[in-house]
Amino acid sequence: HEKDPKLYTANGLLNMLGRNRQVKWGPERWQDWQIG
């Protein structure tokens, strides 16, 4: 949003991230998951 609000609103990234932050804290990597 700080870099370019018009660009990232137009391409849907800000809407996507707005959804994501309502789901969980942040992106996690599969290979780092400690299963069990």
PDB file of all heavy atoms in Angstrom:
ATOM      1  N   HIS A   1       0.831  -1.210   0.000  1.00  0.00           N
ATOM      2  CA  HIS A   1       0.000   0.000   0.000  1.00  0.00           C
ATOM      3  C   HIS A   1       0.862   1.255   0.000  1.00  0.00           C
ATOM      4  O   HIS A   1       0.534   2.256  -0.648  1.00  0.00           O
ATOM      5  CB  HIS A   1      -0.934  -0.008   1.216  1.00  0.00           C
ATOM      6  CG  HIS A   1      -1.964   1.073   1.192  1.00  0.00           C
ATOM      7  ND1 HIS A   1      -1.722   2.347   1.672  1.00  0.00           N
ATOM      8  CD2 HIS A   1      -3.240   1.080   0.721  1.00  0.00           C
ATOM      9  CE1 HIS A   1      -2.793   3.087   1.509  1.00  0.00           C
ATOM     10  NE2 HIS A   1      -3.732   2.343   0.929  1.00  0.00           N
ATOM     11  N   GLU A   2       1.973   1.189   0.699  1.00  0.00           N
ATOM     12  CA  GLU A   2       2.890   2.327   0.731  1.00  0.00           C
ATOM     13  C   GLU A   2       3.619   2.492  -0.611  1.00  0.00           C
ATOM     14  O   GLU A   2       3.851   3.620  -1.066  1.00  0.00           O
ATOM     15  CB  GLU A   2       3.906   2.150   1.856  1.00  0.00           C
ATOM     16  CG  GLU A   2       4.890   3.307   2.008  1.00  0.00           C
ATOM     17  CD  GLU A   2       5.850   3.110   3.159  1.00  0.00           C
ATOM     18  OE1 GLU A   2       5.547   2.284   4.061  1.00  0.00           O
ATOM     19  OE2 GLU A   2       6.909   3.754   3.164  1.00  0.00           O
ATOM     20  N   LYS A   3       3.959   1.366  -1.244  1.00  0.00           N
ATOM     21  CA  LYS A   3       4.699   1.425  -2.506  1.00  0.00           C
ATOM     22  C   LYS A   3       3.855   1.996  -3.644  1.00  0.00           C
ATOM     23  O   LYS A   3       4.296   2.876  -4.386  1.00  0.00           O
ATOM     24  CB  LYS A   3       5.196   0.032  -2.891  1.00  0.00           C
ATOM     25  CG  LYS A   3       6.359  -0.479  -2.062  1.00  0.00           C
ATOM     26  CD  LYS A   3       6.761  -1.889  -2.509  1.00  0.00           C
ATOM     27  CE  LYS A   3       7.969  -2.402  -1.738  1.00  0.00           C
ATOM     28  NZ  LYS A   3       8.329  -3.790  -2.146  1.00  0.00           N
ATOM     29  N   ASP A   4       2.655   1.474  -3.835  1.00  0.00           N
ATOM     30  CA  ASP A   4       1.822   1.907  -4.967  1.00  0.00           C
ATOM     31  C   ASP A   4       0.385   1.435  -4.749  1.00  0.00           C
ATOM     32  O   ASP A   4      -0.019   0.386  -5.265  1.00  0.00           O
ATOM     33  CB  ASP A   4       2.373   1.344  -6.278  1.00  0.00           C
ATOM     34  CG  ASP A   4       1.757   2.005  -7.505  1.00  0.00           C
ATOM     35  OD1 ASP A   4       0.616   2.489  -7.405  1.00  0.00           O
ATOM     36  OD2 ASP A   4       2.422   2.028  -8.556  1.00  0.00           O
ATOM     37  N   PRO A   5      -0.406   2.197  -4.001  1.00  0.00           N
ATOM     38  CA  PRO A   5      -1.771   1.751  -3.683  1.00  0.00           C
ATOM     39  C   PRO A   5      -2.656   1.568  -4.914  1.00  0.00           C
ATOM     40  O   PRO A   5      -3.493   0.660  -4.951  1.00  0.00           O
ATOM     41  CB  PRO A   5      -2.302   2.841  -2.763  1.00  0.00           C
ATOM     42  CG  PRO A   5      -1.438   4.033  -3.020  1.00  0.00           C
ATOM     43  CD  PRO A   5      -0.093   3.488  -3.365  1.00  0.00           C
ATOM     44  N   LYS A   6      -2.476   2.402  -5.938  1.00  0.00           N
ATOM     45  CA  LYS A   6      -3.317   2.282  -7.132  1.00  0.00           C
ATOM     46  C   LYS A   6      -3.013   0.991  -7.885  1.00  0.00           C
ATOM     47  O   LYS A   6      -3.930   0.267  -8.292  1.00  0.00           O
ATOM     48  CB  LYS A   6      -3.105   3.497  -8.052  1.00  0.00           C
ATOM     49  CG  LYS A   6      -3.617   4.807  -7.483  1.00  0.00           C
ATOM     50  CD  LYS A   6      -3.432   5.963  -8.438  1.00  0.00           C
ATOM     51  CE  LYS A   6      -4.289   5.804  -9.677  1.00  0.00           C
ATOM     52  NZ  LYS A   6      -4.201   6.994 -10.565  1.00  0.00           N
ATOM     53  N   LEU A   7      -1.720   0.682  -8.068  1.00  0.00           N
ATOM     54  CA  LEU A   7      -1.333  -0.532  -8.783  1.00  0.00           C
ATOM     55  C   LEU A   7      -1.818  -1.774  -8.059  1.00  0.00           C
ATOM     56  O   LEU A   7      -2.429  -2.667  -8.666  1.00  0.00           O
ATOM     57  CB  LEU A   7       0.192  -0.584  -8.938  1.00  0.00           C
ATOM     58  CG  LEU A   7       0.761  -1.903  -9.473  1.00  0.00           C
ATOM     59  CD1 LEU A   7       0.250  -2.192 -10.875  1.00  0.00           C
ATOM     60  CD2 LEU A   7       2.286  -1.889  -9.436  1.00  0.00           C
ATOM     61  N   TYR A   8      -1.575  -1.843  -6.751  1.00  0.00           N
ATOM     62  CA  TYR A   8      -1.866  -3.071  -6.025  1.00  0.00           C
ATOM     63  C   TYR A   8      -3.332  -3.196  -5.634  1.00  0.00           C
ATOM     64  O   TYR A   8      -3.783  -4.285  -5.275  1.00  0.00           O
ATOM     65  CB  TYR A   8      -0.935  -3.184  -4.816  1.00  0.00           C
ATOM     66  CG  TYR A   8       0.518  -3.288  -5.247  1.00  0.00           C
ATOM     67  CD1 TYR A   8       1.468  -2.339  -4.879  1.00  0.00           C
ATOM     68  CD2 TYR A   8       0.925  -4.327  -6.078  1.00  0.00           C
ATOM     69  CE1 TYR A   8       2.780  -2.426  -5.305  1.00  0.00           C
ATOM     70  CE2 TYR A   8       2.234  -4.421  -6.513  1.00  0.00           C
ATOM     71  CZ  TYR A   8       3.165  -3.474  -6.126  1.00  0.00           C
ATOM     72  OH  TYR A   8       4.457  -3.575  -6.579  1.00  0.00           O
ATOM     73  N   THR A   9      -4.088  -2.106  -5.762  1.00  0.00           N
ATOM     74  CA  THR A   9      -5.541  -2.218  -5.683  1.00  0.00           C
ATOM     75  C   THR A   9      -6.085  -2.736  -7.004  1.00  0.00           C
ATOM     76  O   THR A   9      -6.945  -3.629  -7.040  1.00  0.00           O
ATOM     77  CB  THR A   9      -6.177  -0.858  -5.351  1.00  0.00           C
ATOM     78  OG1 THR A   9      -5.738  -0.423  -4.066  1.00  0.00           O
ATOM     79  CG2 THR A   9      -7.698  -0.964  -5.343  1.00  0.00           C
ATOM     80  N   ALA A  10      -5.561  -2.187  -8.101  1.00  0.00           N
ATOM     81  CA  ALA A  10      -6.033  -2.573  -9.435  1.00  0.00           C
ATOM     82  C   ALA A  10      -5.777  -4.041  -9.741  1.00  0.00           C
ATOM     83  O   ALA A  10      -6.614  -4.709 -10.365  1.00  0.00           O
ATOM     84  CB  ALA A  10      -5.388  -1.685 -10.498  1.00  0.00           C
ATOM     85  N   ASN A  11      -4.627  -4.569  -9.320  1.00  0.00           N
ATOM     86  CA  ASN A  11      -4.330  -5.971  -9.649  1.00  0.00           C
ATOM     87  C   ASN A  11      -4.830  -6.964  -8.595  1.00  0.00           C
ATOM     88  O   ASN A  11      -4.603  -8.169  -8.696  1.00  0.00           O
ATOM     89  CB  ASN A  11      -2.834  -6.172  -9.900  1.00  0.00           C
ATOM     90  CG  ASN A  11      -1.968  -5.996  -8.659  1.00  0.00           C
ATOM     91  OD1 ASN A  11      -2.462  -5.879  -7.536  1.00  0.00           O
ATOM     92  ND2 ASN A  11      -0.649  -5.975  -8.865  1.00  0.00           N
ATOM     93  N   GLY A  12      -5.526  -6.453  -7.584  1.00  0.00           N
ATOM     94  CA  GLY A  12      -6.185  -7.329  -6.616  1.00  0.00           C
ATOM     95  C   GLY A  12      -5.338  -7.788  -5.453  1.00  0.00           C
ATOM     96  O   GLY A  12      -5.833  -8.502  -4.569  1.00  0.00           O
ATOM     97  N   LEU A  13      -4.062  -7.379  -5.395  1.00  0.00           N
ATOM     98  CA  LEU A  13      -3.199  -7.863  -4.313  1.00  0.00           C
ATOM     99  C   LEU A  13      -3.642  -7.349  -2.949  1.00  0.00           C
ATOM    100  O   LEU A  13      -3.619  -8.094  -1.958  1.00  0.00           O
ATOM    101  CB  LEU A  13      -1.746  -7.473  -4.566  1.00  0.00           C
ATOM    102  CG  LEU A  13      -0.980  -8.276  -5.621  1.00  0.00           C
ATOM    103  CD1 LEU A  13       0.484  -7.874  -5.627  1.00  0.00           C
ATOM    104  CD2 LEU A  13      -1.114  -9.775  -5.388  1.00  0.00           C
ATOM    105  N   LEU A  14      -4.030  -6.089  -2.866  1.00  0.00           N
ATOM    106  CA  LEU A  14      -4.433  -5.557  -1.559  1.00  0.00           C
ATOM    107  C   LEU A  14      -5.716  -6.215  -1.072  1.00  0.00           C
ATOM    108  O   LEU A  14      -5.857  -6.506   0.129  1.00  0.00           O
ATOM    109  CB  LEU A  14      -4.601  -4.039  -1.634  1.00  0.00           C
ATOM    110  CG  LEU A  14      -3.307  -3.237  -1.843  1.00  0.00           C
ATOM    111  CD1 LEU A  14      -3.600  -1.742  -1.856  1.00  0.00           C
ATOM    112  CD2 LEU A  14      -2.275  -3.564  -0.763  1.00  0.00           C
ATOM    113  N   ASN A  15      -6.633  -6.492  -1.974  1.00  0.00           N
ATOM    114  CA  ASN A  15      -7.853  -7.194  -1.580  1.00  0.00           C
ATOM    115  C   ASN A  15      -7.523  -8.611  -1.100  1.00  0.00           C
ATOM    116  O   ASN A  15      -8.066  -9.073  -0.079  1.00  0.00           O
ATOM    117  CB  ASN A  15      -8.816  -7.255  -2.759  1.00  0.00           C
ATOM    118  CG  ASN A  15     -10.116  -7.937  -2.395  1.00  0.00           C
ATOM    119  OD1 ASN A  15     -10.886  -7.441  -1.571  1.00  0.00           O
ATOM    120  ND2 ASN A  15     -10.387  -9.086  -3.004  1.00  0.00           N
ATOM    121  N   MET A  16      -6.628  -9.291  -1.820  1.00  0.00           N
ATOM    122  CA  MET A  16      -6.221 -10.637  -1.431  1.00  0.00           C
ATOM    123  C   MET A  16      -5.551 -10.642  -0.058  1.00  0.00           C
ATOM    124  O   MET A  16      -5.867 -11.467   0.808  1.00  0.00           O
ATOM    125  CB  MET A  16      -5.265 -11.203  -2.471  1.00  0.00           C
ATOM    126  CG  MET A  16      -4.730 -12.590  -2.174  1.00  0.00           C
ATOM    127  SD  MET A  16      -3.388 -13.082  -3.293  1.00  0.00           S
ATOM    128  CE  MET A  16      -2.040 -12.082  -2.640  1.00  0.00           C
ATOM    129  N   LEU A  17      -4.644  -9.703   0.170  1.00  0.00           N
ATOM    130  CA  LEU A  17      -3.940  -9.639   1.449  1.00  0.00           C
ATOM    131  C   LEU A  17      -4.875  -9.233   2.579  1.00  0.00           C
ATOM    132  O   LEU A  17      -4.712  -9.687   3.722  1.00  0.00           O
ATOM    133  CB  LEU A  17      -2.766  -8.668   1.345  1.00  0.00           C
ATOM    134  CG  LEU A  17      -1.601  -9.174   0.481  1.00  0.00           C
ATOM    135  CD1 LEU A  17      -0.716  -8.018   0.034  1.00  0.00           C
ATOM    136  CD2 LEU A  17      -0.785 -10.209   1.240  1.00  0.00           C
ATOM    137  N   GLY A  18      -5.855  -8.387   2.252  1.00  0.00           N
ATOM    138  CA  GLY A  18      -6.852  -8.042   3.256  1.00  0.00           C
ATOM    139  C   GLY A  18      -7.627  -9.265   3.710  1.00  0.00           C
ATOM    140  O   GLY A  18      -7.919  -9.418   4.902  1.00  0.00           O
ATOM    141  N   ARG A  19      -7.958 -10.136   2.767  1.00  0.00           N
ATOM    142  CA  ARG A  19      -8.598 -11.408   3.125  1.00  0.00           C
ATOM    143  C   ARG A  19      -7.662 -12.270   3.957  1.00  0.00           C
ATOM    144  O   ARG A  19      -8.043 -12.809   5.000  1.00  0.00           O
ATOM    145  CB  ARG A  19      -8.989 -12.164   1.853  1.00  0.00           C
ATOM    146  CG  ARG A  19      -9.527 -13.574   2.098  1.00  0.00           C
ATOM    147  CD  ARG A  19      -9.380 -14.448   0.869  1.00  0.00           C
ATOM    148  NE  ARG A  19      -7.976 -14.669   0.518  1.00  0.00           N
ATOM    149  CZ  ARG A  19      -7.582 -15.125  -0.664  1.00  0.00           C
ATOM    150  NH1 ARG A  19      -8.468 -15.379  -1.607  1.00  0.00           N
ATOM    151  NH2 ARG A  19      -6.281 -15.310  -0.903  1.00  0.00           N
ATOM    152  N   ASN A  20      -6.421 -12.405   3.490  1.00  0.00           N
ATOM    153  CA  ASN A  20      -5.476 -13.303   4.159  1.00  0.00           C
ATOM    154  C   ASN A  20      -5.243 -12.929   5.612  1.00  0.00           C
ATOM    155  O   ASN A  20      -5.143 -13.800   6.483  1.00  0.00           O
ATOM    156  CB  ASN A  20      -4.138 -13.293   3.419  1.00  0.00           C
ATOM    157  CG  ASN A  20      -4.216 -13.931   2.039  1.00  0.00           C
ATOM    158  OD1 ASN A  20      -5.240 -14.492   1.669  1.00  0.00           O
ATOM    159  ND2 ASN A  20      -3.138 -13.835   1.288  1.00  0.00           N
ATOM    160  N   ARG A  21      -5.136 -11.634   5.891  1.00  0.00           N
ATOM    161  CA  ARG A  21      -4.839 -11.234   7.270  1.00  0.00           C
ATOM    162  C   ARG A  21      -6.025 -11.457   8.203  1.00  0.00           C
ATOM    163  O   ARG A  21      -5.864 -11.380   9.423  1.00  0.00           O
ATOM    164  CB  ARG A  21      -4.353  -9.790   7.321  1.00  0.00           C
ATOM    165  CG  ARG A  21      -5.316  -8.749   6.825  1.00  0.00           C
ATOM    166  CD  ARG A  21      -4.667  -7.366   6.834  1.00  0.00           C
ATOM    167  NE  ARG A  21      -5.583  -6.322   6.381  1.00  0.00           N
ATOM    168  CZ  ARG A  21      -5.286  -5.034   6.358  1.00  0.00           C
ATOM    169  NH1 ARG A  21      -4.092  -4.620   6.764  1.00  0.00           N
ATOM    170  NH2 ARG A  21      -6.167  -4.151   5.935  1.00  0.00           N
ATOM    171  N   GLN A  22      -7.204 -11.754   7.628  1.00  0.00           N
ATOM    172  CA  GLN A  22      -8.351 -12.141   8.441  1.00  0.00           C
ATOM    173  C   GLN A  22      -8.395 -13.645   8.681  1.00  0.00           C
ATOM    174  O   GLN A  22      -9.211 -14.129   9.467  1.00  0.00           O
ATOM    175  CB  GLN A  22      -9.653 -11.695   7.759  1.00  0.00           C
ATOM    176  CG  GLN A  22      -9.770 -10.197   7.540  1.00  0.00           C
ATOM    177  CD  GLN A  22      -9.728  -9.406   8.838  1.00  0.00           C
ATOM    178  OE1 GLN A  22     -10.360  -9.794   9.825  1.00  0.00           O
ATOM    179  NE2 GLN A  22      -8.972  -8.318   8.854  1.00  0.00           N
ATOM    180  N   VAL A  23      -7.522 -14.377   7.989  1.00  0.00           N
ATOM    181  CA  VAL A  23      -7.516 -15.840   8.094  1.00  0.00           C
ATOM    182  C   VAL A  23      -6.430 -16.328   9.046  1.00  0.00           C
ATOM    183  O   VAL A  23      -6.675 -17.158   9.918  1.00  0.00           O
ATOM    184  CB  VAL A  23      -7.335 -16.484   6.702  1.00  0.00           C
ATOM    185  CG1 VAL A  23      -7.213 -18.009   6.815  1.00  0.00           C
ATOM    186  CG2 VAL A  23      -8.496 -16.119   5.788  1.00  0.00           C
ATOM    187  N   LYS A  24      -5.199 -15.809   8.870  1.00  0.00           N
ATOM    188  CA  LYS A  24      -4.114 -16.194   9.774  1.00  0.00           C
ATOM    189  C   LYS A  24      -3.021 -15.137   9.731  1.00  0.00           C
ATOM    190  O   LYS A  24      -3.097 -14.172   8.969  1.00  0.00           O
ATOM    191  CB  LYS A  24      -3.563 -17.577   9.417  1.00  0.00           C
ATOM    192  CG  LYS A  24      -2.861 -17.676   8.074  1.00  0.00           C
ATOM    193  CD  LYS A  24      -2.261 -19.084   7.917  1.00  0.00           C
ATOM    194  CE  LYS A  24      -1.305 -19.152   6.741  1.00  0.00           C
ATOM    195  NZ  LYS A  24      -0.609 -20.452   6.653  1.00  0.00           N
ATOM    196  N   TRP A  25      -1.970 -15.312  10.550  1.00  0.00           N
ATOM    197  CA  TRP A  25      -0.962 -14.271  10.743  1.00  0.00           C
ATOM    198  C   TRP A  25      -0.132 -14.014   9.498  1.00  0.00           C
ATOM    199  O   TRP A  25       0.068 -12.867   9.099  1.00  0.00           O
ATOM    200  CB  TRP A  25      -0.053 -14.652  11.909  1.00  0.00           C
ATOM    201  CG  TRP A  25       0.998 -13.613  12.206  1.00  0.00           C
ATOM    202  CD1 TRP A  25       0.837 -12.478  12.954  1.00  0.00           C
ATOM    203  CD2 TRP A  25       2.361 -13.612  11.750  1.00  0.00           C
ATOM    204  NE1 TRP A  25       2.013 -11.762  13.006  1.00  0.00           N
ATOM    205  CE2 TRP A  25       2.970 -12.430  12.268  1.00  0.00           C
ATOM    206  CE3 TRP A  25       3.123 -14.477  10.971  1.00  0.00           C
ATOM    207  CZ2 TRP A  25       4.305 -12.114  12.021  1.00  0.00           C
ATOM    208  CZ3 TRP A  25       4.436 -14.164  10.718  1.00  0.00           C
ATOM    209  CH2 TRP A  25       5.022 -12.988  11.240  1.00  0.00           C
ATOM    210  N   GLY A  26       0.414 -15.081   8.904  1.00  0.00           N
ATOM    211  CA  GLY A  26       1.311 -14.865   7.777  1.00  0.00           C
ATOM    212  C   GLY A  26       1.586 -16.146   7.012  1.00  0.00           C
ATOM    213  O   GLY A  26       1.201 -17.241   7.437  1.00  0.00           O
ATOM    214  N   PRO A  27       2.260 -16.043   5.864  1.00  0.00           N
ATOM    215  CA  PRO A  27       2.552 -17.215   5.031  1.00  0.00           C
ATOM    216  C   PRO A  27       3.557 -18.159   5.684  1.00  0.00           C
ATOM    217  O   PRO A  27       4.576 -17.721   6.216  1.00  0.00           O
ATOM    218  CB  PRO A  27       3.114 -16.610   3.735  1.00  0.00           C
ATOM    219  CG  PRO A  27       3.610 -15.252   4.135  1.00  0.00           C
ATOM    220  CD  PRO A  27       2.728 -14.785   5.246  1.00  0.00           C
ATOM    221  N   GLU A  28       3.245 -19.450   5.618  1.00  0.00           N
ATOM    222  CA  GLU A  28       4.102 -20.491   6.190  1.00  0.00           C
ATOM    223  C   GLU A  28       4.622 -21.392   5.072  1.00  0.00           C
ATOM    224  O   GLU A  28       3.954 -21.604   4.067  1.00  0.00           O
ATOM    225  CB  GLU A  28       3.314 -21.348   7.183  1.00  0.00           C
ATOM    226  CG  GLU A  28       2.734 -20.592   8.352  1.00  0.00           C
ATOM    227  CD  GLU A  28       1.858 -21.494   9.211  1.00  0.00           C
ATOM    228  OE1 GLU A  28       2.407 -22.303   9.974  1.00  0.00           O
ATOM    229  OE2 GLU A  28       0.617 -21.402   9.086  1.00  0.00           O
ATOM    230  N   ARG A  29       5.806 -21.943   5.278  1.00  0.00           N
ATOM    231  CA  ARG A  29       6.422 -22.812   4.273  1.00  0.00           C
ATOM    232  C   ARG A  29       6.242 -24.275   4.659  1.00  0.00           C
ATOM    233  O   ARG A  29       6.529 -24.687   5.790  1.00  0.00           O
ATOM    234  CB  ARG A  29       7.914 -22.474   4.140  1.00  0.00           C
ATOM    235  CG  ARG A  29       8.618 -23.189   2.990  1.00  0.00           C
ATOM    236  CD  ARG A  29      10.004 -22.586   2.751  1.00  0.00           C
ATOM    237  NE  ARG A  29      10.646 -23.200   1.585  1.00  0.00           N
ATOM    238  CZ  ARG A  29      11.598 -24.124   1.659  1.00  0.00           C
ATOM    239  NH1 ARG A  29      12.033 -24.543   2.851  1.00  0.00           N
ATOM    240  NH2 ARG A  29      12.123 -24.630   0.564  1.00  0.00           N
ATOM    241  N   TRP A  30       5.760 -25.080   3.708  1.00  0.00           N
ATOM    242  CA  TRP A  30       5.512 -26.504   3.948  1.00  0.00           C
ATOM    243  C   TRP A  30       6.749 -27.207   4.490  1.00  0.00           C
ATOM    244  O   TRP A  30       6.671 -27.979   5.456  1.00  0.00           O
ATOM    245  CB  TRP A  30       5.052 -27.180   2.654  1.00  0.00           C
ATOM    246  CG  TRP A  30       5.082 -28.673   2.743  1.00  0.00           C
ATOM    247  CD1 TRP A  30       6.154 -29.486   2.511  1.00  0.00           C
ATOM    248  CD2 TRP A  30       4.003 -29.525   3.153  1.00  0.00           C
ATOM    249  NE1 TRP A  30       5.804 -30.806   2.723  1.00  0.00           N
ATOM    250  CE2 TRP A  30       4.500 -30.852   3.120  1.00  0.00           C
ATOM    251  CE3 TRP A  30       2.680 -29.309   3.511  1.00  0.00           C
ATOM    252  CZ2 TRP A  30       3.703 -31.945   3.444  1.00  0.00           C
ATOM    253  CZ3 TRP A  30       1.892 -30.406   3.841  1.00  0.00           C
ATOM    254  CH2 TRP A  30       2.403 -31.692   3.808  1.00  0.00           C
ATOM    255  N   GLN A  31       7.891 -26.962   3.879  1.00  0.00           N
ATOM    256  CA  GLN A  31       9.109 -27.689   4.247  1.00  0.00           C
ATOM    257  C   GLN A  31       9.561 -27.379   5.669  1.00  0.00           C
ATOM    258  O   GLN A  31      10.358 -28.131   6.243  1.00  0.00           O
ATOM    259  CB  GLN A  31      10.231 -27.371   3.257  1.00  0.00           C
ATOM    260  CG  GLN A  31       9.985 -27.918   1.858  1.00  0.00           C
ATOM    261  CD  GLN A  31       9.205 -26.964   0.958  1.00  0.00           C
ATOM    262  OE1 GLN A  31       8.518 -26.063   1.458  1.00  0.00           O
ATOM    263  NE2 GLN A  31       9.324 -27.135  -0.351  1.00  0.00           N
ATOM    264  N   ASP A  32       9.077 -26.292   6.247  1.00  0.00           N
ATOM    265  CA  ASP A  32       9.427 -25.927   7.625  1.00  0.00           C
ATOM    266  C   ASP A  32       8.426 -26.451   8.645  1.00  0.00           C
ATOM    267  O   ASP A  32       8.624 -26.282   9.853  1.00  0.00           O
ATOM    268  CB  ASP A  32       9.541 -24.407   7.756  1.00  0.00           C
ATOM    269  CG  ASP A  32      10.621 -23.827   6.857  1.00  0.00           C
ATOM    270  OD1 ASP A  32      11.634 -24.513   6.630  1.00  0.00           O
ATOM    271  OD2 ASP A  32      10.447 -22.686   6.377  1.00  0.00           O
ATOM    272  N   TRP A  33       7.343 -27.054   8.173  1.00  0.00           N
ATOM    273  CA  TRP A  33       6.304 -27.561   9.074  1.00  0.00           C
ATOM    274  C   TRP A  33       6.838 -28.769   9.835  1.00  0.00           C
ATOM    275  O   TRP A  33       7.309 -29.735   9.255  1.00  0.00           O
ATOM    276  CB  TRP A  33       5.066 -27.943   8.276  1.00  0.00           C
ATOM    277  CG  TRP A  33       3.955 -28.534   9.091  1.00  0.00           C
ATOM    278  CD1 TRP A  33       3.694 -28.307  10.413  1.00  0.00           C
ATOM    279  CD2 TRP A  33       2.953 -29.447   8.629  1.00  0.00           C
ATOM    280  NE1 TRP A  33       2.588 -29.022  10.808  1.00  0.00           N
ATOM    281  CE2 TRP A  33       2.108 -29.726   9.734  1.00  0.00           C
ATOM    282  CE3 TRP A  33       2.680 -30.035   7.395  1.00  0.00           C
ATOM    283  CZ2 TRP A  33       1.016 -30.584   9.629  1.00  0.00           C
ATOM    284  CZ3 TRP A  33       1.593 -30.883   7.294  1.00  0.00           C
ATOM    285  CH2 TRP A  33       0.763 -31.157   8.396  1.00  0.00           C
ATOM    286  N   GLN A  34       6.747 -28.700  11.156  1.00  0.00           N
ATOM    287  CA  GLN A  34       7.149 -29.819  12.007  1.00  0.00           C
ATOM    288  C   GLN A  34       5.933 -30.706  12.237  1.00  0.00           C
ATOM    289  O   GLN A  34       5.167 -30.521  13.185  1.00  0.00           O
ATOM    290  CB  GLN A  34       7.720 -29.301  13.334  1.00  0.00           C
ATOM    291  CG  GLN A  34       9.013 -28.508  13.170  1.00  0.00           C
ATOM    292  CD  GLN A  34       9.542 -28.010  14.496  1.00  0.00           C
ATOM    293  OE1 GLN A  34       8.956 -27.127  15.132  1.00  0.00           O
ATOM    294  NE2 GLN A  34      10.655 -28.573  14.927  1.00  0.00           N
ATOM    295  N   ILE A  35       5.767 -31.677  11.365  1.00  0.00           N
ATOM    296  CA  ILE A  35       4.592 -32.543  11.413  1.00  0.00           C
ATOM    297  C   ILE A  35       4.572 -33.333  12.715  1.00  0.00           C
ATOM    298  O   ILE A  35       5.575 -33.906  13.129  1.00  0.00           O
ATOM    299  CB  ILE A  35       4.596 -33.502  10.204  1.00  0.00           C
ATOM    300  CG1 ILE A  35       4.497 -32.701   8.902  1.00  0.00           C
ATOM    301  CG2 ILE A  35       3.443 -34.505  10.297  1.00  0.00           C
ATOM    302  CD1 ILE A  35       4.708 -33.523   7.656  1.00  0.00           C
ATOM    303  N   GLY A  36       3.425 -33.342  13.359  1.00  0.00           N
ATOM    304  CA  GLY A  36       3.259 -34.057  14.615  1.00  0.00           C
ATOM    305  C   GLY A  36       3.608 -33.259  15.846  1.00  0.00           C
ATOM    306  O   GLY A  36       3.365 -33.708  16.975  1.00  0.00           O
TER     307      GLY A  36
END
